[in-house]
Amino acid sequence: MYGSGLRLMETVRLRIKDIDFDYGALRIWQSKGGKNRVVTLAKELYPALQQQISLVRIIHQQDLNTQFYSGVSLPDRLALKYPEAPKSFEWQFLFPAQRLSQYGFMQGWYRHHIHETSLQKMIRKAASKTAIGKRLSCHTLRHSFATHLLESGSDIRTVQEQLGHSDVKTTQIYTHVIDRGASGVKSPLSHLML
């Protein structure tokens, strides 16, 4: 979340196909306000993401061998246009739920993404093991991403695009730091990993 400035729901809804290691980016679909965007992906996260993808591949293989497995949930139009997509690996969630579930109106078993409260609990647990001493939430990570981008010289419009804000006024809450001008987008996580 910190490495790309993602919202909580953007994080849990990430699918394997949304990760572009070659371009160093994540594709965010139908975010707040129904907008799509491309955000930076810190190269320091590649090993952890590749490990997570390997785990998802194992889960996916097990699911494919489960009787009545129907895949992952997709937006209605996509499910109609690509009927095989729910079972294809690239459409699997990066952070899958622990169990298969059923939907009231749909037949079969589906693998959904983890619930947002699960991620919130993980963040709180990780924060409690640090010496930060302040309350830390998923949104704190997003806020820190924006603040650190500005501190490292990114311009306000770039930060606006990375965060997916419609109006630059929303992004200006982060300008309590010194604006040092544009220098391209580099994830603030990259600076921490030096």
N, C-alpha and C. Protein backbone atom coordinates (compact mmCIF):
# COMPACT_ATOMS: atom_id res chain seq x y z
N MET A 1 0.84 -1.18 0.00
CA MET A 1 0.00 0.00 0.00
C MET A 1 0.88 1.25 0.00
N TYR A 2 1.90 1.22 0.84
CA TYR A 2 2.81 2.36 0.88
C TYR A 2 3.61 2.45 -0.42
N GLY A 3 4.03 1.34 -0.95
CA GLY A 3 4.88 1.34 -2.15
C GLY A 3 4.22 1.89 -3.39
N SER A 4 2.87 1.94 -3.42
CA SER A 4 2.16 2.44 -4.60
C SER A 4 1.06 3.43 -4.27
N GLY A 5 0.84 3.72 -3.01
CA GLY A 5 -0.19 4.69 -2.61
C GLY A 5 -1.60 4.20 -2.80
N LEU A 6 -1.82 2.90 -2.63
CA LEU A 6 -3.14 2.34 -2.90
C LEU A 6 -4.11 2.53 -1.73
N ARG A 7 -5.38 2.62 -2.08
CA ARG A 7 -6.44 2.59 -1.09
C ARG A 7 -6.60 1.15 -0.62
N LEU A 8 -7.28 0.98 0.49
CA LEU A 8 -7.52 -0.34 1.05
C LEU A 8 -8.18 -1.28 0.05
N MET A 9 -9.30 -0.86 -0.54
CA MET A 9 -10.04 -1.73 -1.46
C MET A 9 -9.28 -1.95 -2.77
N GLU A 10 -8.48 -0.99 -3.19
CA GLU A 10 -7.66 -1.18 -4.39
C GLU A 10 -6.65 -2.30 -4.15
N THR A 11 -6.15 -2.37 -2.94
CA THR A 11 -5.16 -3.40 -2.60
C THR A 11 -5.78 -4.78 -2.59
N VAL A 12 -6.90 -4.95 -1.89
CA VAL A 12 -7.48 -6.29 -1.79
C VAL A 12 -8.06 -6.76 -3.12
N ARG A 13 -8.41 -5.84 -4.01
CA ARG A 13 -8.98 -6.22 -5.31
C ARG A 13 -7.95 -6.44 -6.41
N LEU A 14 -6.67 -6.30 -6.10
CA LEU A 14 -5.64 -6.53 -7.12
C LEU A 14 -5.71 -7.96 -7.64
N ARG A 15 -5.55 -8.09 -8.94
CA ARG A 15 -5.51 -9.41 -9.58
C ARG A 15 -4.12 -9.62 -10.16
N ILE A 16 -3.79 -10.86 -10.43
CA ILE A 16 -2.47 -11.19 -10.98
C ILE A 16 -2.19 -10.38 -12.24
N LYS A 17 -3.17 -10.23 -13.10
CA LYS A 17 -2.99 -9.53 -14.37
C LYS A 17 -2.73 -8.03 -14.21
N ASP A 18 -2.98 -7.50 -13.02
CA ASP A 18 -2.80 -6.06 -12.78
C ASP A 18 -1.35 -5.69 -12.50
N ILE A 19 -0.50 -6.67 -12.32
CA ILE A 19 0.91 -6.42 -11.99
C ILE A 19 1.74 -6.49 -13.27
N ASP A 20 2.50 -5.43 -13.52
CA ASP A 20 3.36 -5.37 -14.70
C ASP A 20 4.80 -5.16 -14.24
N PHE A 21 5.53 -6.26 -14.10
CA PHE A 21 6.92 -6.18 -13.65
C PHE A 21 7.81 -5.50 -14.68
N ASP A 22 7.53 -5.71 -15.96
CA ASP A 22 8.35 -5.10 -17.02
C ASP A 22 8.25 -3.58 -17.00
N TYR A 23 7.06 -3.08 -16.76
CA TYR A 23 6.82 -1.63 -16.77
C TYR A 23 6.99 -1.02 -15.38
N GLY A 24 7.04 -1.86 -14.36
CA GLY A 24 7.16 -1.36 -12.99
C GLY A 24 5.90 -0.64 -12.55
N ALA A 25 4.75 -1.28 -12.81
CA ALA A 25 3.48 -0.60 -12.55
C ALA A 25 2.40 -1.57 -12.10
N LEU A 26 1.39 -1.00 -11.48
CA LEU A 26 0.16 -1.70 -11.14
C LEU A 26 -0.97 -1.01 -11.89
N ARG A 27 -1.89 -1.79 -12.40
CA ARG A 27 -3.09 -1.23 -13.03
C ARG A 27 -4.22 -1.32 -12.03
N ILE A 28 -4.85 -0.19 -11.79
CA ILE A 28 -5.96 -0.11 -10.84
C ILE A 28 -7.23 0.11 -11.65
N TRP A 29 -8.21 -0.78 -11.48
CA TRP A 29 -9.45 -0.74 -12.25
C TRP A 29 -10.63 -0.35 -11.38
N GLN A 30 -11.50 0.47 -11.94
CA GLN A 30 -12.76 0.84 -11.30
C GLN A 30 -12.55 1.22 -9.83
N SER A 31 -11.68 2.16 -9.62
CA SER A 31 -11.39 2.64 -8.28
C SER A 31 -12.48 3.61 -7.84
N LYS A 32 -12.20 4.36 -6.82
CA LYS A 32 -13.15 5.35 -6.32
C LYS A 32 -13.54 6.28 -7.47
N GLY A 33 -14.82 6.47 -7.65
CA GLY A 33 -15.30 7.29 -8.75
C GLY A 33 -15.31 6.54 -10.07
N GLY A 34 -15.08 5.23 -10.05
CA GLY A 34 -15.10 4.42 -11.26
C GLY A 34 -13.93 4.65 -12.20
N LYS A 35 -12.83 5.22 -11.67
CA LYS A 35 -11.68 5.55 -12.51
C LYS A 35 -10.66 4.41 -12.56
N ASN A 36 -9.96 4.35 -13.68
CA ASN A 36 -8.84 3.43 -13.85
C ASN A 36 -7.56 4.26 -13.87
N ARG A 37 -6.46 3.67 -13.40
CA ARG A 37 -5.18 4.38 -13.45
C ARG A 37 -4.03 3.39 -13.37
N VAL A 38 -2.86 3.88 -13.69
CA VAL A 38 -1.63 3.09 -13.58
C VAL A 38 -0.77 3.79 -12.54
N VAL A 39 -0.25 3.01 -11.58
CA VAL A 39 0.59 3.57 -10.52
C VAL A 39 1.94 2.89 -10.51
N THR A 40 2.90 3.54 -9.89
CA THR A 40 4.26 3.02 -9.80
C THR A 40 4.30 1.78 -8.91
N LEU A 41 5.24 0.90 -9.22
CA LEU A 41 5.46 -0.30 -8.42
C LEU A 41 6.95 -0.36 -8.07
N ALA A 42 7.25 -0.27 -6.79
CA ALA A 42 8.64 -0.28 -6.33
C ALA A 42 9.29 -1.62 -6.64
N LYS A 43 10.44 -1.57 -7.28
CA LYS A 43 11.15 -2.81 -7.63
C LYS A 43 11.53 -3.62 -6.40
N GLU A 44 11.63 -2.95 -5.26
CA GLU A 44 11.96 -3.64 -4.02
C GLU A 44 10.86 -4.61 -3.59
N LEU A 45 9.67 -4.43 -4.15
CA LEU A 45 8.55 -5.32 -3.83
C LEU A 45 8.47 -6.54 -4.73
N TYR A 46 9.24 -6.56 -5.80
CA TYR A 46 9.16 -7.67 -6.77
C TYR A 46 9.32 -9.04 -6.12
N PRO A 47 10.36 -9.27 -5.30
CA PRO A 47 10.51 -10.62 -4.72
C PRO A 47 9.30 -11.05 -3.88
N ALA A 48 8.80 -10.15 -3.05
CA ALA A 48 7.64 -10.48 -2.22
C ALA A 48 6.40 -10.73 -3.08
N LEU A 49 6.22 -9.93 -4.12
CA LEU A 49 5.08 -10.13 -5.02
C LEU A 49 5.21 -11.44 -5.79
N GLN A 50 6.41 -11.75 -6.25
CA GLN A 50 6.61 -13.01 -6.97
C GLN A 50 6.35 -14.21 -6.06
N GLN A 51 6.72 -14.08 -4.80
CA GLN A 51 6.45 -15.14 -3.83
C GLN A 51 4.93 -15.28 -3.62
N GLN A 52 4.24 -14.15 -3.51
CA GLN A 52 2.78 -14.18 -3.34
C GLN A 52 2.11 -14.79 -4.57
N ILE A 53 2.59 -14.46 -5.74
CA ILE A 53 2.04 -15.02 -6.98
C ILE A 53 2.23 -16.53 -7.01
N SER A 54 3.38 -17.00 -6.54
CA SER A 54 3.62 -18.45 -6.47
C SER A 54 2.63 -19.12 -5.53
N LEU A 55 2.34 -18.48 -4.42
CA LEU A 55 1.35 -19.00 -3.48
C LEU A 55 -0.04 -19.04 -4.12
N VAL A 56 -0.39 -17.98 -4.83
CA VAL A 56 -1.69 -17.93 -5.51
C VAL A 56 -1.77 -19.03 -6.57
N ARG A 57 -0.67 -19.31 -7.24
CA ARG A 57 -0.66 -20.37 -8.26
C ARG A 57 -0.98 -21.73 -7.62
N ILE A 58 -0.42 -21.99 -6.46
CA ILE A 58 -0.69 -23.25 -5.75
C ILE A 58 -2.16 -23.32 -5.35
N ILE A 59 -2.68 -22.24 -4.78
CA ILE A 59 -4.10 -22.19 -4.39
C ILE A 59 -4.99 -22.39 -5.61
N HIS A 60 -4.63 -21.74 -6.70
CA HIS A 60 -5.42 -21.83 -7.93
C HIS A 60 -5.45 -23.27 -8.45
N GLN A 61 -4.31 -23.94 -8.43
CA GLN A 61 -4.25 -25.34 -8.88
C GLN A 61 -5.14 -26.23 -8.01
N GLN A 62 -5.12 -25.98 -6.71
CA GLN A 62 -5.99 -26.74 -5.80
C GLN A 62 -7.45 -26.46 -6.11
N ASP A 63 -7.77 -25.20 -6.36
CA ASP A 63 -9.15 -24.83 -6.67
C ASP A 63 -9.64 -25.51 -7.94
N LEU A 64 -8.78 -25.55 -8.95
CA LEU A 64 -9.17 -26.17 -10.22
C LEU A 64 -9.51 -27.65 -10.06
N ASN A 65 -8.95 -28.28 -9.03
CA ASN A 65 -9.23 -29.68 -8.76
C ASN A 65 -10.41 -29.88 -7.80
N THR A 66 -11.04 -28.78 -7.40
CA THR A 66 -12.17 -28.84 -6.49
C THR A 66 -13.46 -28.97 -7.28
N GLN A 67 -14.29 -29.91 -6.87
CA GLN A 67 -15.57 -30.12 -7.55
C GLN A 67 -16.43 -28.86 -7.40
N PHE A 68 -17.07 -28.47 -8.46
CA PHE A 68 -17.97 -27.31 -8.53
C PHE A 68 -17.26 -25.96 -8.42
N TYR A 69 -15.92 -25.96 -8.58
CA TYR A 69 -15.20 -24.68 -8.56
C TYR A 69 -15.59 -23.89 -9.80
N SER A 70 -16.00 -22.65 -9.59
CA SER A 70 -16.46 -21.80 -10.69
C SER A 70 -15.53 -20.65 -10.99
N GLY A 71 -14.49 -20.46 -10.20
CA GLY A 71 -13.52 -19.40 -10.48
C GLY A 71 -13.59 -18.25 -9.50
N VAL A 72 -13.20 -17.09 -9.99
CA VAL A 72 -13.27 -15.86 -9.19
C VAL A 72 -14.42 -15.01 -9.72
N SER A 73 -14.88 -14.11 -8.89
CA SER A 73 -15.95 -13.22 -9.35
C SER A 73 -15.37 -12.18 -10.31
N LEU A 74 -16.15 -11.86 -11.31
CA LEU A 74 -15.77 -10.85 -12.30
C LEU A 74 -16.94 -9.89 -12.48
N PRO A 75 -16.66 -8.68 -12.93
CA PRO A 75 -17.77 -7.80 -13.30
C PRO A 75 -18.65 -8.50 -14.34
N ASP A 76 -19.96 -8.32 -14.24
CA ASP A 76 -20.92 -9.05 -15.06
C ASP A 76 -20.59 -9.06 -16.55
N ARG A 77 -20.30 -7.92 -17.11
CA ARG A 77 -20.05 -7.85 -18.56
C ARG A 77 -18.80 -8.63 -18.96
N LEU A 78 -17.78 -8.58 -18.11
CA LEU A 78 -16.57 -9.33 -18.41
C LEU A 78 -16.83 -10.83 -18.33
N ALA A 79 -17.60 -11.25 -17.35
CA ALA A 79 -17.91 -12.67 -17.20
C ALA A 79 -18.68 -13.19 -18.41
N LEU A 80 -19.54 -12.35 -18.97
CA LEU A 80 -20.28 -12.75 -20.17
C LEU A 80 -19.39 -12.77 -21.41
N LYS A 81 -18.53 -11.77 -21.51
CA LYS A 81 -17.66 -11.65 -22.68
C LYS A 81 -16.56 -12.72 -22.69
N TYR A 82 -16.04 -13.04 -21.51
CA TYR A 82 -14.95 -14.02 -21.38
C TYR A 82 -15.37 -15.11 -20.39
N PRO A 83 -16.18 -16.06 -20.81
CA PRO A 83 -16.70 -17.06 -19.88
C PRO A 83 -15.64 -17.94 -19.21
N GLU A 84 -14.46 -18.06 -19.82
CA GLU A 84 -13.40 -18.89 -19.22
C GLU A 84 -12.51 -18.09 -18.27
N ALA A 85 -12.62 -16.77 -18.29
CA ALA A 85 -11.75 -15.91 -17.48
C ALA A 85 -11.81 -16.21 -15.98
N PRO A 86 -12.97 -16.49 -15.39
CA PRO A 86 -12.99 -16.71 -13.94
C PRO A 86 -12.08 -17.84 -13.45
N LYS A 87 -11.77 -18.79 -14.33
CA LYS A 87 -10.89 -19.89 -13.94
C LYS A 87 -9.45 -19.70 -14.40
N SER A 88 -9.18 -18.66 -15.16
CA SER A 88 -7.82 -18.46 -15.66
C SER A 88 -6.95 -17.83 -14.56
N PHE A 89 -5.67 -18.17 -14.58
CA PHE A 89 -4.77 -17.74 -13.51
C PHE A 89 -4.66 -16.22 -13.42
N GLU A 90 -4.54 -15.55 -14.56
CA GLU A 90 -4.30 -14.09 -14.52
C GLU A 90 -5.44 -13.31 -13.88
N TRP A 91 -6.64 -13.87 -13.82
CA TRP A 91 -7.78 -13.18 -13.21
C TRP A 91 -7.90 -13.46 -11.71
N GLN A 92 -7.04 -14.32 -11.17
CA GLN A 92 -7.11 -14.63 -9.74
C GLN A 92 -6.69 -13.41 -8.93
N PHE A 93 -7.26 -13.30 -7.73
CA PHE A 93 -6.90 -12.20 -6.84
C PHE A 93 -5.49 -12.43 -6.28
N LEU A 94 -4.73 -11.35 -6.16
CA LEU A 94 -3.39 -11.43 -5.60
C LEU A 94 -3.44 -11.82 -4.12
N PHE A 95 -4.48 -11.39 -3.45
CA PHE A 95 -4.67 -11.71 -2.03
C PHE A 95 -5.99 -12.45 -1.87
N PRO A 96 -5.98 -13.76 -2.14
CA PRO A 96 -7.23 -14.53 -2.12
C PRO A 96 -7.72 -14.82 -0.71
N ALA A 97 -9.03 -14.98 -0.60
CA ALA A 97 -9.64 -15.38 0.67
C ALA A 97 -9.15 -16.78 1.02
N GLN A 98 -9.21 -17.12 2.29
CA GLN A 98 -8.75 -18.44 2.73
C GLN A 98 -9.64 -19.56 2.24
N ARG A 99 -10.93 -19.28 2.12
CA ARG A 99 -11.89 -20.33 1.76
C ARG A 99 -12.66 -19.96 0.51
N LEU A 100 -13.14 -20.99 -0.15
CA LEU A 100 -14.08 -20.80 -1.25
C LEU A 100 -15.42 -20.42 -0.65
N SER A 101 -16.22 -19.70 -1.41
CA SER A 101 -17.55 -19.32 -0.91
C SER A 101 -18.57 -19.43 -2.03
N GLN A 102 -19.82 -19.40 -1.64
CA GLN A 102 -20.91 -19.44 -2.60
C GLN A 102 -21.65 -18.12 -2.56
N TYR A 103 -22.16 -17.73 -3.71
CA TYR A 103 -22.97 -16.53 -3.80
C TYR A 103 -24.41 -16.97 -3.97
N GLY A 104 -25.32 -16.29 -3.30
CA GLY A 104 -26.71 -16.69 -3.28
C GLY A 104 -27.33 -16.99 -4.63
N PHE A 105 -27.10 -16.16 -5.61
CA PHE A 105 -27.76 -16.32 -6.90
C PHE A 105 -26.92 -17.09 -7.92
N MET A 106 -25.69 -17.43 -7.57
CA MET A 106 -24.79 -18.11 -8.50
C MET A 106 -24.51 -19.52 -8.01
N GLN A 107 -24.44 -20.45 -8.94
CA GLN A 107 -24.11 -21.82 -8.57
C GLN A 107 -22.61 -22.02 -8.59
N GLY A 108 -22.12 -22.91 -7.74
CA GLY A 108 -20.71 -23.22 -7.71
C GLY A 108 -20.00 -22.54 -6.55
N TRP A 109 -18.70 -22.83 -6.48
CA TRP A 109 -17.84 -22.28 -5.44
C TRP A 109 -16.88 -21.27 -6.06
N TYR A 110 -16.68 -20.16 -5.38
CA TYR A 110 -15.87 -19.06 -5.89
C TYR A 110 -14.78 -18.70 -4.89
N ARG A 111 -13.65 -18.23 -5.42
CA ARG A 111 -12.57 -17.71 -4.57
C ARG A 111 -12.62 -16.20 -4.66
N HIS A 112 -12.92 -15.55 -3.56
CA HIS A 112 -12.99 -14.10 -3.51
C HIS A 112 -11.65 -13.57 -2.99
N HIS A 113 -11.51 -12.26 -2.91
CA HIS A 113 -10.30 -11.68 -2.31
C HIS A 113 -10.46 -11.64 -0.79
N ILE A 114 -9.36 -11.41 -0.08
CA ILE A 114 -9.45 -11.30 1.37
C ILE A 114 -10.38 -10.15 1.72
N HIS A 115 -10.97 -10.24 2.87
CA HIS A 115 -11.85 -9.17 3.34
C HIS A 115 -10.99 -8.00 3.78
N GLU A 116 -11.50 -6.81 3.58
CA GLU A 116 -10.71 -5.62 3.92
C GLU A 116 -10.34 -5.56 5.40
N THR A 117 -11.20 -6.09 6.27
CA THR A 117 -10.87 -6.07 7.70
C THR A 117 -9.67 -6.97 8.00
N SER A 118 -9.47 -8.01 7.21
CA SER A 118 -8.29 -8.87 7.39
C SER A 118 -7.01 -8.08 7.15
N LEU A 119 -7.00 -7.28 6.10
CA LEU A 119 -5.82 -6.46 5.81
C LEU A 119 -5.63 -5.41 6.89
N GLN A 120 -6.70 -4.79 7.34
CA GLN A 120 -6.60 -3.79 8.41
C GLN A 120 -5.99 -4.40 9.67
N LYS A 121 -6.42 -5.61 10.01
CA LYS A 121 -5.87 -6.29 11.19
C LYS A 121 -4.39 -6.60 11.01
N MET A 122 -4.00 -7.02 9.80
CA MET A 122 -2.59 -7.31 9.53
C MET A 122 -1.73 -6.05 9.70
N ILE A 123 -2.24 -4.93 9.23
CA ILE A 123 -1.49 -3.67 9.34
C ILE A 123 -1.37 -3.27 10.81
N ARG A 124 -2.46 -3.37 11.56
CA ARG A 124 -2.42 -3.03 12.99
C ARG A 124 -1.44 -3.94 13.74
N LYS A 125 -1.47 -5.23 13.42
CA LYS A 125 -0.57 -6.18 14.08
C LYS A 125 0.88 -5.86 13.77
N ALA A 126 1.17 -5.58 12.50
CA ALA A 126 2.55 -5.23 12.12
C ALA A 126 2.98 -3.93 12.79
N ALA A 127 2.07 -2.96 12.88
CA ALA A 127 2.40 -1.67 13.50
C ALA A 127 2.70 -1.84 14.99
N SER A 128 1.99 -2.75 15.64
CA SER A 128 2.20 -2.96 17.07
C SER A 128 3.59 -3.53 17.37
N LYS A 129 4.23 -4.11 16.38
CA LYS A 129 5.56 -4.69 16.55
C LYS A 129 6.68 -3.69 16.27
N THR A 130 6.32 -2.45 15.97
CA THR A 130 7.32 -1.43 15.66
C THR A 130 7.45 -0.46 16.82
N ALA A 131 8.42 0.42 16.72
CA ALA A 131 8.62 1.44 17.74
C ALA A 131 8.02 2.77 17.31
N ILE A 132 7.10 2.74 16.36
CA ILE A 132 6.52 3.98 15.84
C ILE A 132 5.78 4.74 16.93
N GLY A 133 5.00 4.04 17.72
CA GLY A 133 4.32 4.69 18.83
C GLY A 133 3.10 5.50 18.45
N LYS A 134 2.69 5.46 17.20
CA LYS A 134 1.50 6.18 16.75
C LYS A 134 0.55 5.19 16.12
N ARG A 135 -0.71 5.59 16.05
CA ARG A 135 -1.71 4.75 15.41
C ARG A 135 -1.40 4.68 13.92
N LEU A 136 -1.39 3.49 13.38
CA LEU A 136 -1.08 3.29 11.98
C LEU A 136 -2.24 2.55 11.32
N SER A 137 -2.67 3.05 10.18
CA SER A 137 -3.78 2.42 9.45
C SER A 137 -3.38 2.28 7.98
N CYS A 138 -4.24 1.63 7.23
CA CYS A 138 -4.01 1.50 5.79
C CYS A 138 -3.93 2.88 5.14
N HIS A 139 -4.80 3.78 5.58
CA HIS A 139 -4.79 5.11 4.98
C HIS A 139 -3.53 5.88 5.36
N THR A 140 -2.96 5.60 6.52
CA THR A 140 -1.71 6.24 6.92
C THR A 140 -0.61 5.91 5.91
N LEU A 141 -0.60 4.68 5.42
CA LEU A 141 0.40 4.28 4.43
C LEU A 141 0.23 5.06 3.13
N ARG A 142 -1.01 5.23 2.71
CA ARG A 142 -1.30 6.00 1.49
C ARG A 142 -0.89 7.46 1.68
N HIS A 143 -1.23 8.02 2.83
CA HIS A 143 -0.89 9.40 3.14
C HIS A 143 0.63 9.58 3.16
N SER A 144 1.33 8.64 3.75
CA SER A 144 2.80 8.72 3.81
C SER A 144 3.41 8.62 2.42
N PHE A 145 2.85 7.76 1.57
CA PHE A 145 3.31 7.65 0.19
C PHE A 145 3.24 9.01 -0.49
N ALA A 146 2.10 9.69 -0.39
CA ALA A 146 1.92 10.99 -1.04
C ALA A 146 2.88 12.03 -0.46
N THR A 147 2.99 12.07 0.84
CA THR A 147 3.87 13.04 1.49
C THR A 147 5.32 12.81 1.07
N HIS A 148 5.74 11.57 1.07
CA HIS A 148 7.13 11.27 0.71
C HIS A 148 7.42 11.50 -0.77
N LEU A 149 6.42 11.30 -1.63
CA LEU A 149 6.60 11.65 -3.05
C LEU A 149 6.88 13.14 -3.19
N LEU A 150 6.09 13.96 -2.50
CA LEU A 150 6.29 15.40 -2.56
C LEU A 150 7.65 15.79 -1.99
N GLU A 151 8.02 15.17 -0.88
CA GLU A 151 9.32 15.47 -0.26
C GLU A 151 10.48 15.09 -1.18
N SER A 152 10.29 14.06 -1.99
CA SER A 152 11.38 13.62 -2.88
C SER A 152 11.39 14.38 -4.20
N GLY A 153 10.50 15.38 -4.34
CA GLY A 153 10.56 16.24 -5.52
C GLY A 153 9.50 16.04 -6.56
N SER A 154 8.57 15.12 -6.38
CA SER A 154 7.49 14.94 -7.36
C SER A 154 6.54 16.13 -7.31
N ASP A 155 6.03 16.52 -8.47
CA ASP A 155 5.11 17.66 -8.50
C ASP A 155 3.71 17.21 -8.09
N ILE A 156 2.88 18.17 -7.74
CA ILE A 156 1.54 17.90 -7.22
C ILE A 156 0.66 17.16 -8.22
N ARG A 157 0.80 17.46 -9.51
CA ARG A 157 -0.02 16.78 -10.54
C ARG A 157 0.35 15.30 -10.65
N THR A 158 1.63 15.00 -10.52
CA THR A 158 2.07 13.60 -10.55
C THR A 158 1.49 12.85 -9.36
N VAL A 159 1.55 13.46 -8.19
CA VAL A 159 0.99 12.83 -6.99
C VAL A 159 -0.51 12.66 -7.15
N GLN A 160 -1.17 13.65 -7.72
CA GLN A 160 -2.61 13.57 -7.98
C GLN A 160 -2.93 12.34 -8.85
N GLU A 161 -2.16 12.15 -9.91
CA GLU A 161 -2.37 11.00 -10.81
C GLU A 161 -2.11 9.68 -10.09
N GLN A 162 -1.04 9.64 -9.32
CA GLN A 162 -0.71 8.40 -8.59
C GLN A 162 -1.81 8.03 -7.60
N LEU A 163 -2.39 9.02 -6.94
CA LEU A 163 -3.43 8.76 -5.94
C LEU A 163 -4.81 8.58 -6.56
N GLY A 164 -4.98 9.01 -7.80
CA GLY A 164 -6.28 8.88 -8.45
C GLY A 164 -7.29 9.93 -8.04
N HIS A 165 -6.81 11.09 -7.62
CA HIS A 165 -7.71 12.18 -7.24
C HIS A 165 -8.24 12.88 -8.49
N SER A 166 -9.53 13.18 -8.51
CA SER A 166 -10.12 13.92 -9.63
C SER A 166 -9.70 15.37 -9.61
N ASP A 167 -9.62 15.93 -8.42
CA ASP A 167 -9.35 17.36 -8.26
C ASP A 167 -8.03 17.54 -7.52
N VAL A 168 -7.18 18.40 -8.04
CA VAL A 168 -5.88 18.64 -7.41
C VAL A 168 -6.05 19.21 -6.00
N LYS A 169 -7.18 19.84 -5.72
CA LYS A 169 -7.41 20.39 -4.37
C LYS A 169 -7.39 19.28 -3.32
N THR A 170 -7.85 18.11 -3.69
CA THR A 170 -7.81 16.98 -2.76
C THR A 170 -6.37 16.59 -2.46
N THR A 171 -5.52 16.67 -3.45
CA THR A 171 -4.12 16.29 -3.30
C THR A 171 -3.35 17.36 -2.52
N GLN A 172 -3.81 18.59 -2.55
CA GLN A 172 -3.08 19.69 -1.92
C GLN A 172 -3.00 19.57 -0.40
N ILE A 173 -3.78 18.66 0.20
CA ILE A 173 -3.65 18.47 1.65
C ILE A 173 -2.26 17.96 2.01
N TYR A 174 -1.56 17.40 1.03
CA TYR A 174 -0.22 16.86 1.29
C TYR A 174 0.88 17.90 1.08
N THR A 175 0.52 19.11 0.71
CA THR A 175 1.54 20.12 0.40
C THR A 175 2.09 20.82 1.63
N HIS A 176 1.87 20.24 2.80
CA HIS A 176 2.49 20.80 3.99
C HIS A 176 3.99 20.54 3.99
N VAL A 177 4.44 19.79 2.98
CA VAL A 177 5.88 19.59 2.80
C VAL A 177 6.37 20.53 1.71
N ILE A 178 7.64 20.73 1.63
CA ILE A 178 8.22 21.63 0.63
C ILE A 178 8.12 21.00 -0.75
N ASP A 179 7.57 21.75 -1.70
CA ASP A 179 7.49 21.28 -3.09
C ASP A 179 8.81 21.61 -3.76
N ARG A 180 9.54 20.58 -4.15
CA ARG A 180 10.87 20.78 -4.75
C ARG A 180 10.87 20.63 -6.25
N GLY A 181 9.71 20.55 -6.88
CA GLY A 181 9.66 20.44 -8.33
C GLY A 181 9.62 19.00 -8.80
N ALA A 182 9.39 18.85 -10.09
CA ALA A 182 9.23 17.51 -10.67
C ALA A 182 10.58 16.84 -10.87
N SER A 183 10.62 15.58 -10.52
CA SER A 183 11.82 14.80 -10.79
C SER A 183 11.45 13.37 -11.18
N GLY A 184 10.24 13.19 -11.67
CA GLY A 184 9.79 11.85 -12.05
C GLY A 184 9.26 11.11 -10.84
N VAL A 185 8.62 10.01 -11.09
CA VAL A 185 8.01 9.23 -10.02
C VAL A 185 8.92 8.08 -9.64
N LYS A 186 9.29 8.04 -8.40
CA LYS A 186 10.01 6.91 -7.84
C LYS A 186 9.32 6.62 -6.52
N SER A 187 8.97 5.38 -6.29
CA SER A 187 8.27 5.03 -5.07
C SER A 187 9.08 5.43 -3.85
N PRO A 188 8.43 6.00 -2.84
CA PRO A 188 9.15 6.35 -1.62
C PRO A 188 9.75 5.13 -0.93
N LEU A 189 9.19 3.96 -1.18
CA LEU A 189 9.75 2.74 -0.59
C LEU A 189 11.18 2.53 -1.07
N SER A 190 11.47 2.92 -2.30
CA SER A 190 12.82 2.77 -2.85
C SER A 190 13.85 3.55 -2.03
N HIS A 191 13.44 4.70 -1.50
CA HIS A 191 14.35 5.51 -0.69
C HIS A 191 14.61 4.86 0.67
N LEU A 192 13.63 4.16 1.18
CA LEU A 192 13.78 3.51 2.48
C LEU A 192 14.67 2.29 2.42
N MET A 193 14.75 1.67 1.24
CA MET A 193 15.47 0.41 1.09
C MET A 193 16.95 0.60 0.76
N LEU A 194 17.45 1.82 0.80
CA LEU A 194 18.86 2.07 0.46
C LEU A 194 19.80 1.50 1.48
